């Protein structure tokens, strides 16, 4: 039996390595992986996801899609806007837990750390 963190780590690793193999812009993807947890903590989940959507960057949108898949919430953006308080708090906790792994794998797999995540 695996822990929730082990399952998240495996799901996120699979997504990040697939992104790397597709040859996407690791800088944009990894940079947002570092910034999104801070955005969520300061603005809230729905607002942070809306911000990323508004930027309309294909690599950053891929991160949102990968995040949704990792936490098994295919309609994460819509659910974050429509959820009642309890569900919203759960979605936020799940997203932050997964984003911790996205950040770690952005550092180890994509070689993007805080020092190089200064993309606009």
PDB file of N, CA and C in Angstrom:
ATOM      1  N   UNK A   1       0.843  -1.178   0.000  1.00  0.00           N
ATOM      2  CA  UNK A   1       0.000   0.000   0.000  1.00  0.00           C
ATOM      3  C   UNK A   1       0.891   1.246   0.000  1.00  0.00           C
ATOM      4  N   UNK A   2       0.522   2.209  -0.824  1.00  0.00           N
ATOM      5  CA  UNK A   2       1.294   3.441  -0.943  1.00  0.00           C
ATOM      6  C   UNK A   2       0.601   4.590  -0.214  1.00  0.00           C
ATOM      7  N   UNK A   3       1.403   5.534   0.270  1.00  0.00           N
ATOM      8  CA  UNK A   3       0.843   6.717   0.915  1.00  0.00           C
ATOM      9  C   UNK A   3       0.340   7.693  -0.144  1.00  0.00           C
ATOM     10  N   UNK A   4      -0.428   8.667   0.282  1.00  0.00           N
ATOM     11  CA  UNK A   4      -0.933   9.694  -0.633  1.00  0.00           C
ATOM     12  C   UNK A   4       0.230  10.433  -1.292  1.00  0.00           C
ATOM     13  N   UNK A   5       1.261  10.727  -0.517  1.00  0.00           N
ATOM     14  CA  UNK A   5       2.420  11.421  -1.076  1.00  0.00           C
ATOM     15  C   UNK A   5       3.148  10.576  -2.115  1.00  0.00           C
ATOM     16  N   UNK A   6       3.261   9.276  -1.876  1.00  0.00           N
ATOM     17  CA  UNK A   6       3.900   8.412  -2.856  1.00  0.00           C
ATOM     18  C   UNK A   6       3.107   8.385  -4.159  1.00  0.00           C
ATOM     19  N   UNK A   7       1.793   8.329  -4.048  1.00  0.00           N
ATOM     20  CA  UNK A   7       0.943   8.326  -5.241  1.00  0.00           C
ATOM     21  C   UNK A   7       1.062   9.648  -5.987  1.00  0.00           C
ATOM     22  N   UNK A   8       1.058  10.754  -5.241  1.00  0.00           N
ATOM     23  CA  UNK A   8       1.214  12.071  -5.864  1.00  0.00           C
ATOM     24  C   UNK A   8       2.571  12.192  -6.545  1.00  0.00           C
ATOM     25  N   UNK A   9       3.607  11.765  -5.853  1.00  0.00           N
ATOM     26  CA  UNK A   9       4.957  11.854  -6.412  1.00  0.00           C
ATOM     27  C   UNK A   9       5.048  11.072  -7.717  1.00  0.00           C
ATOM     28  N   UNK A  10       4.481   9.879  -7.741  1.00  0.00           N
ATOM     29  CA  UNK A  10       4.525   9.062  -8.952  1.00  0.00           C
ATOM     30  C   UNK A  10       3.746   9.716 -10.089  1.00  0.00           C
ATOM     31  N   UNK A  11       2.562  10.232  -9.782  1.00  0.00           N
ATOM     32  CA  UNK A  11       1.735  10.875 -10.811  1.00  0.00           C
ATOM     33  C   UNK A  11       2.415  12.127 -11.354  1.00  0.00           C
ATOM     34  N   UNK A  12       2.986  12.930 -10.475  1.00  0.00           N
ATOM     35  CA  UNK A  12       3.646  14.167 -10.901  1.00  0.00           C
ATOM     36  C   UNK A  12       4.912  13.853 -11.688  1.00  0.00           C
ATOM     37  N   UNK A  13       5.692  12.903 -11.225  1.00  0.00           N
ATOM     38  CA  UNK A  13       6.917  12.531 -11.940  1.00  0.00           C
ATOM     39  C   UNK A  13       6.596  12.089 -13.369  1.00  0.00           C
ATOM     40  N   UNK A  14       5.556  11.299 -13.498  1.00  0.00           N
ATOM     41  CA  UNK A  14       5.128  10.843 -14.827  1.00  0.00           C
ATOM     42  C   UNK A  14       4.780  12.032 -15.722  1.00  0.00           C
ATOM     43  N   UNK A  15       4.066  13.013 -15.176  1.00  0.00           N
ATOM     44  CA  UNK A  15       3.663  14.190 -15.950  1.00  0.00           C
ATOM     45  C   UNK A  15       4.866  15.052 -16.332  1.00  0.00           C
ATOM     46  N   UNK A  16       5.756  15.285 -15.382  1.00  0.00           N
ATOM     47  CA  UNK A  16       6.911  16.157 -15.639  1.00  0.00           C
ATOM     48  C   UNK A  16       7.867  15.508 -16.644  1.00  0.00           C
ATOM     49  N   UNK A  17       8.106  14.219 -16.509  1.00  0.00           N
ATOM     50  CA  UNK A  17       8.993  13.561 -17.464  1.00  0.00           C
ATOM     51  C   UNK A  17       8.361  13.515 -18.855  1.00  0.00           C
ATOM     52  N   UNK A  18       7.047  13.332 -18.932  1.00  0.00           N
ATOM     53  CA  UNK A  18       6.369  13.359 -20.235  1.00  0.00           C
ATOM     54  C   UNK A  18       6.491  14.747 -20.860  1.00  0.00           C
ATOM     55  N   UNK A  19       6.349  15.785 -20.049  1.00  0.00           N
ATOM     56  CA  UNK A  19       6.496  17.158 -20.558  1.00  0.00           C
ATOM     57  C   UNK A  19       7.904  17.360 -21.108  1.00  0.00           C
ATOM     58  N   UNK A  20       8.901  16.882 -20.369  1.00  0.00           N
ATOM     59  CA  UNK A  20      10.286  17.044 -20.807  1.00  0.00           C
ATOM     60  C   UNK A  20      10.530  16.303 -22.124  1.00  0.00           C
ATOM     61  N   UNK A  21       9.992  15.100 -22.245  1.00  0.00           N
ATOM     62  CA  UNK A  21      10.171  14.313 -23.458  1.00  0.00           C
ATOM     63  C   UNK A  21       9.488  14.959 -24.662  1.00  0.00           C
ATOM     64  N   UNK A  22       8.398  15.693 -24.426  1.00  0.00           N
ATOM     65  CA  UNK A  22       7.697  16.375 -25.518  1.00  0.00           C
ATOM     66  C   UNK A  22       8.471  17.599 -25.996  1.00  0.00           C
ATOM     67  N   UNK A  23       9.453  18.014 -25.224  1.00  0.00           N
ATOM     68  CA  UNK A  23      10.284  19.142 -25.628  1.00  0.00           C
ATOM     69  C   UNK A  23       9.646  20.501 -25.416  1.00  0.00           C
ATOM     70  N   UNK A  24       8.756  20.611 -24.432  1.00  0.00           N
ATOM     71  CA  UNK A  24       8.140  21.894 -24.126  1.00  0.00           C
ATOM     72  C   UNK A  24       9.125  22.855 -23.482  1.00  0.00           C
ATOM     73  N   UNK A  25       8.693  24.088 -23.308  1.00  0.00           N
ATOM     74  CA  UNK A  25       9.529  25.123 -22.691  1.00  0.00           C
ATOM     75  C   UNK A  25       9.617  24.870 -21.192  1.00  0.00           C
ATOM     76  N   UNK A  26      10.681  24.204 -20.787  1.00  0.00           N
ATOM     77  CA  UNK A  26      10.862  23.835 -19.383  1.00  0.00           C
ATOM     78  C   UNK A  26      10.936  25.063 -18.489  1.00  0.00           C
ATOM     79  N   UNK A  27      11.477  26.157 -19.008  1.00  0.00           N
ATOM     80  CA  UNK A  27      11.609  27.372 -18.204  1.00  0.00           C
ATOM     81  C   UNK A  27      10.230  27.903 -17.784  1.00  0.00           C
ATOM     82  N   UNK A  28       9.303  27.987 -18.716  1.00  0.00           N
ATOM     83  CA  UNK A  28       7.968  28.506 -18.401  1.00  0.00           C
ATOM     84  C   UNK A  28       7.197  27.544 -17.499  1.00  0.00           C
ATOM     85  N   UNK A  29       7.269  26.275 -17.800  1.00  0.00           N
ATOM     86  CA  UNK A  29       6.575  25.251 -17.014  1.00  0.00           C
ATOM     87  C   UNK A  29       7.134  25.206 -15.594  1.00  0.00           C
ATOM     88  N   UNK A  30       8.444  25.101 -15.493  1.00  0.00           N
ATOM     89  CA  UNK A  30       9.098  25.003 -14.187  1.00  0.00           C
ATOM     90  C   UNK A  30       8.968  26.263 -13.359  1.00  0.00           C
ATOM     91  N   UNK A  31       9.055  27.400 -14.021  1.00  0.00           N
ATOM     92  CA  UNK A  31       8.910  28.669 -13.330  1.00  0.00           C
ATOM     93  C   UNK A  31       7.526  28.795 -12.693  1.00  0.00           C
ATOM     94  N   UNK A  32       6.506  28.413 -13.444  1.00  0.00           N
ATOM     95  CA  UNK A  32       5.150  28.483 -12.890  1.00  0.00           C
ATOM     96  C   UNK A  32       4.959  27.440 -11.798  1.00  0.00           C
ATOM     97  N   UNK A  33       5.636  26.312 -11.898  1.00  0.00           N
ATOM     98  CA  UNK A  33       5.569  25.306 -10.835  1.00  0.00           C
ATOM     99  C   UNK A  33       6.104  25.881  -9.523  1.00  0.00           C
ATOM    100  N   UNK A  34       7.083  26.762  -9.622  1.00  0.00           N
ATOM    101  CA  UNK A  34       7.628  27.424  -8.431  1.00  0.00           C
ATOM    102  C   UNK A  34       6.713  28.534  -7.929  1.00  0.00           C
ATOM    103  N   UNK A  35       6.083  29.252  -8.839  1.00  0.00           N
ATOM    104  CA  UNK A  35       5.300  30.436  -8.463  1.00  0.00           C
ATOM    105  C   UNK A  35       3.864  30.135  -8.055  1.00  0.00           C
ATOM    106  N   UNK A  36       3.279  29.083  -8.622  1.00  0.00           N
ATOM    107  CA  UNK A  36       1.865  28.823  -8.388  1.00  0.00           C
ATOM    108  C   UNK A  36       1.501  28.598  -6.920  1.00  0.00           C
ATOM    109  N   UNK A  37       2.291  27.874  -6.127  1.00  0.00           N
ATOM    110  CA  UNK A  37       1.917  27.735  -4.712  1.00  0.00           C
ATOM    111  C   UNK A  37       1.823  29.080  -3.983  1.00  0.00           C
ATOM    112  N   UNK A  38       2.714  29.988  -4.302  1.00  0.00           N
ATOM    113  CA  UNK A  38       2.681  31.316  -3.673  1.00  0.00           C
ATOM    114  C   UNK A  38       1.429  32.071  -4.117  1.00  0.00           C
ATOM    115  N   UNK A  39       1.113  31.981  -5.393  1.00  0.00           N
ATOM    116  CA  UNK A  39      -0.098  32.630  -5.906  1.00  0.00           C
ATOM    117  C   UNK A  39      -1.344  32.079  -5.222  1.00  0.00           C
ATOM    118  N   UNK A  40      -1.381  30.766  -5.043  1.00  0.00           N
ATOM    119  CA  UNK A  40      -2.541  30.146  -4.398  1.00  0.00           C
ATOM    120  C   UNK A  40      -2.665  30.618  -2.959  1.00  0.00           C
ATOM    121  N   UNK A  41      -1.543  30.690  -2.252  1.00  0.00           N
ATOM    122  CA  UNK A  41      -1.590  31.114  -0.850  1.00  0.00           C
ATOM    123  C   UNK A  41      -1.982  32.581  -0.701  1.00  0.00           C
ATOM    124  N   UNK A  42      -1.592  33.406  -1.649  1.00  0.00           N
ATOM    125  CA  UNK A  42      -1.887  34.831  -1.524  1.00  0.00           C
ATOM    126  C   UNK A  42      -3.250  35.211  -2.107  1.00  0.00           C
ATOM    127  N   UNK A  43      -3.630  34.599  -3.227  1.00  0.00           N
ATOM    128  CA  UNK A  43      -4.862  35.010  -3.893  1.00  0.00           C
ATOM    129  C   UNK A  43      -5.988  33.985  -3.789  1.00  0.00           C
ATOM    130  N   UNK A  44      -5.654  32.754  -3.518  1.00  0.00           N
ATOM    131  CA  UNK A  44      -6.651  31.696  -3.494  1.00  0.00           C
ATOM    132  C   UNK A  44      -6.541  30.837  -4.744  1.00  0.00           C
ATOM    133  N   UNK A  45      -7.066  29.631  -4.650  1.00  0.00           N
ATOM    134  CA  UNK A  45      -6.944  28.667  -5.743  1.00  0.00           C
ATOM    135  C   UNK A  45      -7.623  29.149  -7.021  1.00  0.00           C
ATOM    136  N   UNK A  46      -8.868  29.554  -6.920  1.00  0.00           N
ATOM    137  CA  UNK A  46      -9.619  29.959  -8.122  1.00  0.00           C
ATOM    138  C   UNK A  46      -8.953  31.146  -8.812  1.00  0.00           C
ATOM    139  N   UNK A  47      -8.533  32.132  -8.049  1.00  0.00           N
ATOM    140  CA  UNK A  47      -7.905  33.316  -8.631  1.00  0.00           C
ATOM    141  C   UNK A  47      -6.553  32.978  -9.258  1.00  0.00           C
ATOM    142  N   UNK A  48      -5.776  32.121  -8.611  1.00  0.00           N
ATOM    143  CA  UNK A  48      -4.466  31.741  -9.142  1.00  0.00           C
ATOM    144  C   UNK A  48      -4.622  30.976 -10.456  1.00  0.00           C
ATOM    145  N   UNK A  49      -5.570  30.053 -10.500  1.00  0.00           N
ATOM    146  CA  UNK A  49      -5.797  29.303 -11.736  1.00  0.00           C
ATOM    147  C   UNK A  49      -6.310  30.211 -12.845  1.00  0.00           C
ATOM    148  N   UNK A  50      -7.170  31.166 -12.494  1.00  0.00           N
ATOM    149  CA  UNK A  50      -7.669  32.117 -13.483  1.00  0.00           C
ATOM    150  C   UNK A  50      -6.529  32.987 -14.024  1.00  0.00           C
ATOM    151  N   UNK A  51      -5.602  33.347 -13.162  1.00  0.00           N
ATOM    152  CA  UNK A  51      -4.442  34.134 -13.588  1.00  0.00           C
ATOM    153  C   UNK A  51      -3.617  33.371 -14.619  1.00  0.00           C
ATOM    154  N   UNK A  52      -3.354  32.105 -14.345  1.00  0.00           N
ATOM    155  CA  UNK A  52      -2.568  31.293 -15.276  1.00  0.00           C
ATOM    156  C   UNK A  52      -3.332  31.132 -16.593  1.00  0.00           C
ATOM    157  N   UNK A  53      -4.625  30.900 -16.497  1.00  0.00           N
ATOM    158  CA  UNK A  53      -5.433  30.792 -17.718  1.00  0.00           C
ATOM    159  C   UNK A  53      -5.382  32.074 -18.533  1.00  0.00           C
ATOM    160  N   UNK A  54      -5.458  33.213 -17.859  1.00  0.00           N
ATOM    161  CA  UNK A  54      -5.459  34.502 -18.549  1.00  0.00           C
ATOM    162  C   UNK A  54      -4.137  34.762 -19.274  1.00  0.00           C
ATOM    163  N   UNK A  55      -3.070  34.229 -18.763  1.00  0.00           N
ATOM    164  CA  UNK A  55      -1.768  34.392 -19.428  1.00  0.00           C
ATOM    165  C   UNK A  55      -1.739  33.670 -20.759  1.00  0.00           C
ATOM    166  N   UNK A  56      -2.553  32.621 -20.869  1.00  0.00           N
ATOM    167  CA  UNK A  56      -2.741  31.888 -22.116  1.00  0.00           C
ATOM    168  C   UNK A  56      -1.424  31.376 -22.708  1.00  0.00           C
ATOM    169  N   UNK A  57      -0.518  30.942 -21.848  1.00  0.00           N
ATOM    170  CA  UNK A  57       0.739  30.351 -22.288  1.00  0.00           C
ATOM    171  C   UNK A  57       0.562  28.837 -22.316  1.00  0.00           C
ATOM    172  N   UNK A  58       0.805  28.231 -23.440  1.00  0.00           N
ATOM    173  CA  UNK A  58       0.537  26.804 -23.625  1.00  0.00           C
ATOM    174  C   UNK A  58       1.296  25.938 -22.620  1.00  0.00           C
ATOM    175  N   UNK A  59       2.503  26.313 -22.257  1.00  0.00           N
ATOM    176  CA  UNK A  59       3.304  25.511 -21.324  1.00  0.00           C
ATOM    177  C   UNK A  59       2.785  25.653 -19.896  1.00  0.00           C
ATOM    178  N   UNK A  60       2.339  26.838 -19.539  1.00  0.00           N
ATOM    179  CA  UNK A  60       1.776  27.044 -18.208  1.00  0.00           C
ATOM    180  C   UNK A  60       0.386  26.424 -18.102  1.00  0.00           C
ATOM    181  N   UNK A  61      -0.364  26.447 -19.194  1.00  0.00           N
ATOM    182  CA  UNK A  61      -1.655  25.758 -19.214  1.00  0.00           C
ATOM    183  C   UNK A  61      -1.461  24.248 -19.091  1.00  0.00           C
ATOM    184  N   UNK A  62      -0.358  23.751 -19.644  1.00  0.00           N
ATOM    185  CA  UNK A  62      -0.048  22.324 -19.508  1.00  0.00           C
ATOM    186  C   UNK A  62       0.202  21.978 -18.046  1.00  0.00           C
ATOM    187  N   UNK A  63       0.840  22.873 -17.308  1.00  0.00           N
ATOM    188  CA  UNK A  63       1.051  22.642 -15.876  1.00  0.00           C
ATOM    189  C   UNK A  63      -0.292  22.514 -15.158  1.00  0.00           C
ATOM    190  N   UNK A  64      -1.242  23.392 -15.479  1.00  0.00           N
ATOM    191  CA  UNK A  64      -2.572  23.330 -14.852  1.00  0.00           C
ATOM    192  C   UNK A  64      -3.257  22.008 -15.205  1.00  0.00           C
ATOM    193  N   UNK A  65      -3.146  21.608 -16.458  1.00  0.00           N
ATOM    194  CA  UNK A  65      -3.727  20.341 -16.889  1.00  0.00           C
ATOM    195  C   UNK A  65      -3.068  19.166 -16.170  1.00  0.00           C
ATOM    196  N   UNK A  66      -1.752  19.216 -16.037  1.00  0.00           N
ATOM    197  CA  UNK A  66      -1.023  18.156 -15.334  1.00  0.00           C
ATOM    198  C   UNK A  66      -1.384  18.134 -13.853  1.00  0.00           C
ATOM    199  N   UNK A  67      -1.536  19.303 -13.258  1.00  0.00           N
ATOM    200  CA  UNK A  67      -1.945  19.397 -11.857  1.00  0.00           C
ATOM    201  C   UNK A  67      -3.315  18.756 -11.663  1.00  0.00           C
ATOM    202  N   UNK A  68      -4.247  19.095 -12.532  1.00  0.00           N
ATOM    203  CA  UNK A  68      -5.604  18.536 -12.441  1.00  0.00           C
ATOM    204  C   UNK A  68      -5.574  17.015 -12.555  1.00  0.00           C
ATOM    205  N   UNK A  69      -4.769  16.509 -13.469  1.00  0.00           N
ATOM    206  CA  UNK A  69      -4.667  15.060 -13.636  1.00  0.00           C
ATOM    207  C   UNK A  69      -4.017  14.404 -12.419  1.00  0.00           C
ATOM    208  N   UNK A  70      -3.008  15.039 -11.876  1.00  0.00           N
ATOM    209  CA  UNK A  70      -2.291  14.467 -10.726  1.00  0.00           C
ATOM    210  C   UNK A  70      -3.192  14.331  -9.510  1.00  0.00           C
ATOM    211  N   UNK A  71      -4.094  15.292  -9.313  1.00  0.00           N
ATOM    212  CA  UNK A  71      -4.994  15.217  -8.152  1.00  0.00           C
ATOM    213  C   UNK A  71      -6.357  14.638  -8.530  1.00  0.00           C
ATOM    214  N   UNK A  72      -6.435  14.112  -9.745  1.00  0.00           N
ATOM    215  CA  UNK A  72      -7.637  13.439 -10.239  1.00  0.00           C
ATOM    216  C   UNK A  72      -8.870  14.337 -10.196  1.00  0.00           C
ATOM    217  N   UNK A  73      -8.685  15.571 -10.637  1.00  0.00           N
ATOM    218  CA  UNK A  73      -9.770  16.546 -10.734  1.00  0.00           C
ATOM    219  C   UNK A  73      -9.749  17.137 -12.148  1.00  0.00           C
ATOM    220  N   UNK A  74     -10.288  16.419 -13.141  1.00  0.00           N
ATOM    221  CA  UNK A  74     -10.157  16.860 -14.534  1.00  0.00           C
ATOM    222  C   UNK A  74     -10.706  18.263 -14.798  1.00  0.00           C
ATOM    223  N   UNK A  75     -11.707  18.675 -14.043  1.00  0.00           N
ATOM    224  CA  UNK A  75     -12.281  20.002 -14.235  1.00  0.00           C
ATOM    225  C   UNK A  75     -11.882  20.909 -13.071  1.00  0.00           C
ATOM    226  N   UNK A  76     -10.612  20.904 -12.731  1.00  0.00           N
ATOM    227  CA  UNK A  76     -10.119  21.628 -11.557  1.00  0.00           C
ATOM    228  C   UNK A  76     -10.466  23.111 -11.598  1.00  0.00           C
ATOM    229  N   UNK A  77     -10.258  23.750 -12.724  1.00  0.00           N
ATOM    230  CA  UNK A  77     -10.499  25.195 -12.820  1.00  0.00           C
ATOM    231  C   UNK A  77     -11.970  25.509 -12.568  1.00  0.00           C
ATOM    232  N   UNK A  78     -12.857  24.764 -13.192  1.00  0.00           N
ATOM    233  CA  UNK A  78     -14.297  24.986 -13.026  1.00  0.00           C
ATOM    234  C   UNK A  78     -14.723  24.650 -11.607  1.00  0.00           C
ATOM    235  N   UNK A  79     -14.249  23.524 -11.094  1.00  0.00           N
ATOM    236  CA  UNK A  79     -14.632  23.123  -9.730  1.00  0.00           C
ATOM    237  C   UNK A  79     -14.150  24.117  -8.691  1.00  0.00           C
ATOM    238  N   UNK A  80     -12.975  24.707  -8.925  1.00  0.00           N
ATOM    239  CA  UNK A  80     -12.456  25.679  -7.947  1.00  0.00           C
ATOM    240  C   UNK A  80     -13.349  26.910  -7.882  1.00  0.00           C
ATOM    241  N   UNK A  81     -14.023  27.226  -8.972  1.00  0.00           N
ATOM    242  CA  UNK A  81     -14.919  28.384  -8.985  1.00  0.00           C
ATOM    243  C   UNK A  81     -16.298  28.063  -8.431  1.00  0.00           C
ATOM    244  N   UNK A  82     -16.698  26.807  -8.500  1.00  0.00           N
ATOM    245  CA  UNK A  82     -18.065  26.435  -8.124  1.00  0.00           C
ATOM    246  C   UNK A  82     -18.172  25.727  -6.775  1.00  0.00           C
ATOM    247  N   UNK A  83     -17.065  25.335  -6.205  1.00  0.00           N
ATOM    248  CA  UNK A  83     -17.068  24.517  -4.986  1.00  0.00           C
ATOM    249  C   UNK A  83     -17.550  25.298  -3.770  1.00  0.00           C
ATOM    250  N   UNK A  84     -18.209  24.572  -2.894  1.00  0.00           N
ATOM    251  CA  UNK A  84     -18.559  25.117  -1.584  1.00  0.00           C
ATOM    252  C   UNK A  84     -17.282  25.192  -0.754  1.00  0.00           C
ATOM    253  N   UNK A  85     -17.326  25.888   0.357  1.00  0.00           N
ATOM    254  CA  UNK A  85     -16.129  26.154   1.145  1.00  0.00           C
ATOM    255  C   UNK A  85     -15.326  24.894   1.500  1.00  0.00           C
ATOM    256  N   UNK A  86     -15.975  23.866   2.004  1.00  0.00           N
ATOM    257  CA  UNK A  86     -15.268  22.648   2.401  1.00  0.00           C
ATOM    258  C   UNK A  86     -14.545  21.993   1.240  1.00  0.00           C
ATOM    259  N   UNK A  87     -15.230  21.881   0.112  1.00  0.00           N
ATOM    260  CA  UNK A  87     -14.613  21.282  -1.070  1.00  0.00           C
ATOM    261  C   UNK A  87     -13.490  22.171  -1.606  1.00  0.00           C
ATOM    262  N   UNK A  88     -13.699  23.484  -1.555  1.00  0.00           N
ATOM    263  CA  UNK A  88     -12.685  24.431  -2.020  1.00  0.00           C
ATOM    264  C   UNK A  88     -11.409  24.305  -1.192  1.00  0.00           C
ATOM    265  N   UNK A  89     -11.571  24.173   0.112  1.00  0.00           N
ATOM    266  CA  UNK A  89     -10.409  24.013   0.984  1.00  0.00           C
ATOM    267  C   UNK A  89      -9.691  22.696   0.695  1.00  0.00           C
ATOM    268  N   UNK A  90     -10.441  21.634   0.436  1.00  0.00           N
ATOM    269  CA  UNK A  90      -9.845  20.347   0.099  1.00  0.00           C
ATOM    270  C   UNK A  90      -9.104  20.424  -1.232  1.00  0.00           C
ATOM    271  N   UNK A  91      -9.711  21.049  -2.235  1.00  0.00           N
ATOM    272  CA  UNK A  91      -9.045  21.221  -3.529  1.00  0.00           C
ATOM    273  C   UNK A  91      -7.745  22.007  -3.367  1.00  0.00           C
ATOM    274  N   UNK A  92      -7.785  23.028  -2.545  1.00  0.00           N
ATOM    275  CA  UNK A  92      -6.597  23.844  -2.313  1.00  0.00           C
ATOM    276  C   UNK A  92      -5.485  23.022  -1.671  1.00  0.00           C
ATOM    277  N   UNK A  93      -5.838  22.258  -0.635  1.00  0.00           N
ATOM    278  CA  UNK A  93      -4.839  21.408   0.029  1.00  0.00           C
ATOM    279  C   UNK A  93      -4.250  20.384  -0.932  1.00  0.00           C
ATOM    280  N   UNK A  94      -5.110  19.759  -1.740  1.00  0.00           N
ATOM    281  CA  UNK A  94      -4.627  18.762  -2.697  1.00  0.00           C
ATOM    282  C   UNK A  94      -3.718  19.400  -3.747  1.00  0.00           C
ATOM    283  N   UNK A  95      -4.107  20.574  -4.232  1.00  0.00           N
ATOM    284  CA  UNK A  95      -3.298  21.264  -5.236  1.00  0.00           C
ATOM    285  C   UNK A  95      -1.936  21.647  -4.665  1.00  0.00           C
ATOM    286  N   UNK A  96      -1.915  22.172  -3.454  1.00  0.00           N
ATOM    287  CA  UNK A  96      -0.644  22.558  -2.842  1.00  0.00           C
ATOM    288  C   UNK A  96       0.249  21.350  -2.577  1.00  0.00           C
ATOM    289  N   UNK A  97      -0.345  20.231  -2.176  1.00  0.00           N
ATOM    290  CA  UNK A  97       0.440  19.018  -1.946  1.00  0.00           C
ATOM    291  C   UNK A  97       1.064  18.536  -3.256  1.00  0.00           C
ATOM    292  N   UNK A  98       0.304  18.563  -4.333  1.00  0.00           N
ATOM    293  CA  UNK A  98       0.831  18.140  -5.634  1.00  0.00           C
ATOM    294  C   UNK A  98       1.868  19.128  -6.142  1.00  0.00           C
ATOM    295  N   UNK A  99       1.636  20.413  -5.939  1.00  0.00           N
ATOM    296  CA  UNK A  99       2.573  21.427  -6.428  1.00  0.00           C
ATOM    297  C   UNK A  99       3.922  21.347  -5.725  1.00  0.00           C
ATOM    298  N   UNK A 100       3.940  20.843  -4.522  1.00  0.00           N
ATOM    299  CA  UNK A 100       5.223  20.612  -3.854  1.00  0.00           C
ATOM    300  C   UNK A 100       6.060  19.629  -4.673  1.00  0.00           C
ATOM    301  N   UNK A 101       5.421  18.587  -5.188  1.00  0.00           N
ATOM    302  CA  UNK A 101       6.126  17.612  -6.024  1.00  0.00           C
ATOM    303  C   UNK A 101       6.470  18.202  -7.389  1.00  0.00           C
ATOM    304  N   UNK A 102       5.563  19.021  -7.951  1.00  0.00           N
ATOM    305  CA  UNK A 102       5.884  19.661  -9.227  1.00  0.00           C
ATOM    306  C   UNK A 102       7.130  20.531  -9.080  1.00  0.00           C
ATOM    307  N   UNK A 103       7.213  21.253  -7.973  1.00  0.00           N
ATOM    308  CA  UNK A 103       8.382  22.105  -7.734  1.00  0.00           C
ATOM    309  C   UNK A 103       9.652  21.263  -7.604  1.00  0.00           C
ATOM    310  N   UNK A 104       9.572  20.182  -6.846  1.00  0.00           N
ATOM    311  CA  UNK A 104      10.735  19.309  -6.663  1.00  0.00           C
ATOM    312  C   UNK A 104      11.203  18.710  -7.984  1.00  0.00           C
ATOM    313  N   UNK A 105      10.249  18.259  -8.789  1.00  0.00           N
ATOM    314  CA  UNK A 105      10.629  17.649 -10.066  1.00  0.00           C
ATOM    315  C   UNK A 105      11.020  18.691 -11.102  1.00  0.00           C
ATOM    316  N   UNK A 106      10.526  19.901 -10.968  1.00  0.00           N
ATOM    317  CA  UNK A 106      11.009  20.984 -11.839  1.00  0.00           C
ATOM    318  C   UNK A 106      12.493  21.213 -11.560  1.00  0.00           C
ATOM    319  N   UNK A 107      12.864  21.101 -10.296  1.00  0.00           N
ATOM    320  CA  UNK A 107      14.271  21.264  -9.931  1.00  0.00           C
ATOM    321  C   UNK A 107      15.115  20.089 -10.396  1.00  0.00           C
ATOM    322  N   UNK A 108      14.655  18.879 -10.154  1.00  0.00           N
ATOM    323  CA  UNK A 108      15.493  17.712 -10.443  1.00  0.00           C
ATOM    324  C   UNK A 108      15.411  17.242 -11.894  1.00  0.00           C
ATOM    325  N   UNK A 109      14.232  17.245 -12.481  1.00  0.00           N
ATOM    326  CA  UNK A 109      14.071  16.728 -13.835  1.00  0.00           C
ATOM    327  C   UNK A 109      14.287  17.820 -14.879  1.00  0.00           C
ATOM    328  N   UNK A 110      13.676  18.992 -14.658  1.00  0.00           N
ATOM    329  CA  UNK A 110      13.757  20.076 -15.639  1.00  0.00           C
ATOM    330  C   UNK A 110      14.931  21.019 -15.391  1.00  0.00           C
ATOM    331  N   UNK A 111      15.580  20.881 -14.222  1.00  0.00           N
ATOM    332  CA  UNK A 111      16.730  21.723 -13.850  1.00  0.00           C
ATOM    333  C   UNK A 111      16.355  23.201 -13.738  1.00  0.00           C
ATOM    334  N   UNK A 112      15.138  23.469 -13.236  1.00  0.00           N
ATOM    335  CA  UNK A 112      14.673  24.839 -13.009  1.00  0.00           C
ATOM    336  C   UNK A 112      14.571  25.021 -11.494  1.00  0.00           C
ATOM    337  N   UNK A 113      15.354  25.961 -10.958  1.00  0.00           N
ATOM    338  CA  UNK A 113      15.268  26.239  -9.526  1.00  0.00           C
ATOM    339  C   UNK A 113      14.838  27.678  -9.323  1.00  0.00           C
ATOM    340  N   UNK A 114      14.747  28.101  -8.068  1.00  0.00           N
ATOM    341  CA  UNK A 114      14.284  29.458  -7.765  1.00  0.00           C
ATOM    342  C   UNK A 114      15.142  30.515  -8.427  1.00  0.00           C
ATOM    343  N   UNK A 115      16.441  30.271  -8.536  1.00  0.00           N
ATOM    344  CA  UNK A 115      17.349  31.261  -9.111  1.00  0.00           C
ATOM    345  C   UNK A 115      17.102  31.449 -10.608  1.00  0.00           C
ATOM    346  N   UNK A 116      16.671  30.384 -11.295  1.00  0.00           N
ATOM    347  CA  UNK A 116      16.453  30.499 -12.741  1.00  0.00           C
ATOM    348  C   UNK A 116      14.985  30.658 -13.094  1.00  0.00           C
ATOM    349  N   UNK A 117      14.122  30.778 -12.094  1.00  0.00           N
ATOM    350  CA  UNK A 117      12.693  30.888 -12.388  1.00  0.00           C
ATOM    351  C   UNK A 117      12.255  32.344 -12.481  1.00  0.00           C
ATOM    352  N   UNK A 118      13.164  33.250 -12.802  1.00  0.00           N
ATOM    353  CA  UNK A 118      12.858  34.657 -12.871  1.00  0.00           C
ATOM    354  C   UNK A 118      12.125  35.090 -14.123  1.00  0.00           C
ATOM    355  N   UNK A 119      11.571  34.166 -14.858  1.00  0.00           N
ATOM    356  CA  UNK A 119      10.776  34.479 -16.043  1.00  0.00           C
ATOM    357  C   UNK A 119       9.589  35.331 -15.650  1.00  0.00           C
ATOM    358  N   UNK A 120       9.223  36.246 -16.490  1.00  0.00           N
ATOM    359  CA  UNK A 120       8.161  37.228 -16.217  1.00  0.00           C
ATOM    360  C   UNK A 120       6.890  36.618 -15.741  1.00  0.00           C
TER     361      UNK A 120
END
